[in-house]
Amino acid sequence: MIIGSVTVLIIVLFLIDQWIKYAVVAHIALGAVHQVIPGVLSLTYLRNNGAAWSMLEGQQWFFYIVSIIALAVLIYFLIRYRTDWRYELGLALMIAGTLGNFVDRIRQGFVVDMFQLDFISFPIFNFADSCLTVGVIVLMIAILLEDRRDRTGSSHE
């Protein structure tokens, strides 16, 4: 990927996140649950002023600082590793997710969460959280593949 396409990807993912959050707030009452796939997925509008499992609830100043530092570090690594599409993809996902939740915190003082997995006890999350999670997984795979390639001396990817 070239840096321009990465920027477009970040913007598109950020806009998808914000659109989903807007739609949930506009169409679902706070705390209401709407089944999407019975027994699998529901939409539940929650205001999260903490992290996953409501950790550090109400500590917005902490999340502002962490988000700014995370964005700076992620952008640095995106520039540094812009020649490897796997790193670019993982970092773009993480930047988009961090931005999505950071903008929520600045604009509203909380993050809008909505996806509820009905088949497992798991915190309700949003699209930005999914971007962050998938980005971390992509980066882990890229690092493991690079490590394997370095150990075997192979250039196969």
Protein backbone atom coordinates (compact mmCIF):
# COMPACT_ATOMS: atom_id res chain seq x y z
CA MET A 1 0.00 0.00 0.00
CA ILE A 2 1.10 3.52 -0.57
CA ILE A 3 0.64 6.09 2.17
CA GLY A 4 -2.28 7.71 0.32
CA SER A 5 -4.32 4.50 0.29
CA VAL A 6 -3.56 3.95 3.97
CA THR A 7 -4.86 7.43 4.76
CA VAL A 8 -8.03 6.71 2.77
CA LEU A 9 -8.48 3.42 4.63
CA ILE A 10 -8.11 5.17 8.00
CA ILE A 11 -10.65 7.83 7.02
CA VAL A 12 -13.16 5.28 5.66
CA LEU A 13 -12.92 3.09 8.79
CA PHE A 14 -13.24 6.15 11.03
CA LEU A 15 -16.33 7.32 9.10
CA ILE A 16 -17.92 3.86 9.26
CA ASP A 17 -17.38 3.86 13.03
CA GLN A 18 -18.91 7.30 13.44
CA TRP A 19 -21.87 6.47 11.16
CA ILE A 20 -22.66 3.27 13.11
CA LYS A 21 -22.51 5.18 16.39
CA TYR A 22 -24.73 7.94 15.00
CA ALA A 23 -27.30 5.41 13.74
CA VAL A 24 -27.39 3.57 17.07
CA VAL A 25 -27.84 6.79 19.06
CA ALA A 26 -30.55 8.00 16.63
CA HIS A 27 -32.54 4.74 16.52
CA ILE A 28 -31.97 2.82 19.77
CA ALA A 29 -32.92 4.08 23.22
CA LEU A 30 -30.13 4.16 25.80
CA GLY A 31 -29.92 0.67 27.33
CA ALA A 32 -32.38 -0.88 24.87
CA VAL A 33 -31.54 -4.22 23.27
CA HIS A 34 -32.41 -5.14 19.67
CA GLN A 35 -31.70 -8.68 18.50
CA VAL A 36 -29.96 -8.86 15.15
CA ILE A 37 -29.16 -12.59 15.05
CA PRO A 38 -31.07 -14.39 17.85
CA GLY A 39 -28.70 -15.98 20.33
CA VAL A 40 -25.67 -14.54 18.56
CA LEU A 41 -25.70 -10.74 18.18
CA SER A 42 -27.75 -7.86 19.57
CA LEU A 43 -27.42 -4.11 19.35
CA THR A 44 -27.44 -2.37 22.72
CA TYR A 45 -26.82 1.36 23.06
CA LEU A 46 -24.45 2.01 25.96
CA ARG A 47 -22.40 5.00 26.99
CA ASN A 48 -18.99 3.81 28.12
CA ASN A 49 -16.90 6.31 30.05
CA GLY A 50 -14.26 3.71 30.86
CA ALA A 51 -12.37 1.04 28.97
CA ALA A 52 -13.37 -2.59 28.39
CA TRP A 53 -15.36 -4.00 31.32
CA SER A 54 -15.72 -0.34 32.43
CA MET A 55 -12.17 -0.31 33.77
CA LEU A 56 -11.00 3.16 34.85
CA GLU A 57 -14.54 4.45 34.56
CA GLY A 58 -14.72 8.24 34.59
CA GLN A 59 -10.98 8.77 34.09
CA GLN A 60 -11.36 10.69 30.80
CA TRP A 61 -8.13 12.66 31.28
CA PHE A 62 -6.25 9.34 31.34
CA PHE A 63 -7.88 8.19 28.09
CA TYR A 64 -7.12 11.54 26.41
CA ILE A 65 -3.43 11.23 27.28
CA VAL A 66 -3.21 7.55 26.32
CA SER A 67 -5.01 8.19 23.02
CA ILE A 68 -2.71 11.06 22.06
CA ILE A 69 0.40 9.05 22.91
CA ALA A 70 -0.97 5.96 21.12
CA LEU A 71 -1.78 7.95 17.99
CA ALA A 72 1.70 9.51 17.95
CA VAL A 73 3.38 6.11 18.33
CA LEU A 74 1.10 4.43 15.77
CA ILE A 75 1.67 7.19 13.21
CA TYR A 76 5.44 7.00 13.80
CA PHE A 77 5.38 3.23 13.16
CA LEU A 78 3.12 3.68 10.13
CA ILE A 79 5.68 6.05 8.61
CA ARG A 80 8.58 3.81 9.65
CA TYR A 81 7.06 0.59 8.23
CA ARG A 82 5.24 2.01 5.22
CA THR A 83 6.98 -0.44 2.90
CA ASP A 84 5.28 -3.53 4.36
CA TRP A 85 1.54 -3.75 3.60
CA ARG A 86 0.90 -6.04 6.60
CA TYR A 87 2.26 -3.48 9.04
CA GLU A 88 0.44 -0.69 7.21
CA LEU A 89 -2.86 -2.56 7.39
CA GLY A 90 -2.53 -3.41 11.08
CA LEU A 91 -1.46 0.11 12.01
CA ALA A 92 -4.19 1.72 9.87
CA LEU A 93 -6.83 -0.37 11.65
CA MET A 94 -5.41 0.59 15.04
CA ILE A 95 -5.21 4.29 14.15
CA ALA A 96 -8.82 4.31 12.86
CA GLY A 97 -10.05 2.56 16.02
CA THR A 98 -8.11 4.85 18.33
CA LEU A 99 -9.39 7.93 16.48
CA GLY A 100 -13.00 6.71 16.55
CA ASN A 101 -13.06 6.28 20.30
CA PHE A 102 -10.93 9.39 20.94
CA VAL A 103 -13.34 11.61 18.99
CA ASP A 104 -16.25 10.16 20.98
CA ARG A 105 -14.52 10.97 24.26
CA ILE A 106 -13.71 14.53 23.20
CA ARG A 107 -17.17 15.27 21.72
CA GLN A 108 -19.35 13.49 24.28
CA GLY A 109 -17.26 12.50 27.28
CA PHE A 110 -17.99 8.81 26.63
CA VAL A 111 -17.69 6.16 23.92
CA VAL A 112 -20.80 4.76 22.25
CA ASP A 113 -20.83 0.95 22.40
CA MET A 114 -23.41 -1.26 20.73
CA PHE A 115 -22.35 -4.77 19.69
CA GLN A 116 -23.41 -7.42 22.19
CA LEU A 117 -22.39 -11.04 21.71
CA ASP A 118 -25.30 -13.04 23.11
CA PHE A 119 -23.55 -16.43 23.13
CA ILE A 120 -20.73 -15.42 25.48
CA SER A 121 -20.25 -13.07 28.43
CA PHE A 122 -18.21 -10.34 26.76
CA PRO A 123 -18.20 -6.54 27.10
CA ILE A 124 -20.39 -4.64 24.66
CA PHE A 125 -18.11 -3.05 22.07
CA ASN A 126 -18.11 -0.88 18.96
CA PHE A 127 -16.65 -0.86 15.45
CA ALA A 128 -13.59 1.12 16.59
CA ASP A 129 -12.84 -1.57 19.19
CA SER A 130 -13.09 -4.18 16.43
CA CYS A 131 -10.66 -2.21 14.27
CA LEU A 132 -8.21 -2.05 17.18
CA THR A 133 -8.49 -5.78 17.87
CA VAL A 134 -8.14 -6.85 14.24
CA GLY A 135 -5.24 -4.41 13.83
CA VAL A 136 -3.38 -5.96 16.75
CA ILE A 137 -3.98 -9.45 15.32
CA VAL A 138 -2.73 -8.38 11.87
CA LEU A 139 0.40 -6.86 13.45
CA MET A 140 1.04 -9.99 15.51
CA ILE A 141 0.79 -12.15 12.38
CA ALA A 142 3.11 -9.78 10.46
CA ILE A 143 5.68 -9.90 13.28
CA LEU A 144 5.47 -13.71 13.51
CA LEU A 145 5.88 -14.07 9.74
CA GLU A 146 8.83 -11.70 9.72
CA ASP A 147 10.39 -13.53 12.67
CA ARG A 148 9.91 -16.89 10.91
CA ARG A 149 11.34 -15.48 7.68
CA ASP A 150 14.36 -14.08 9.57
CA ARG A 151 15.02 -17.41 11.33
CA THR A 152 14.76 -19.50 8.16
CA GLY A 153 16.49 -16.98 5.93
CA SER A 154 13.62 -17.39 3.50
CA SER A 155 12.20 -14.54 1.50
CA HIS A 156 8.86 -16.31 0.95
CA GLU A 157 5.87 -14.49 2.38
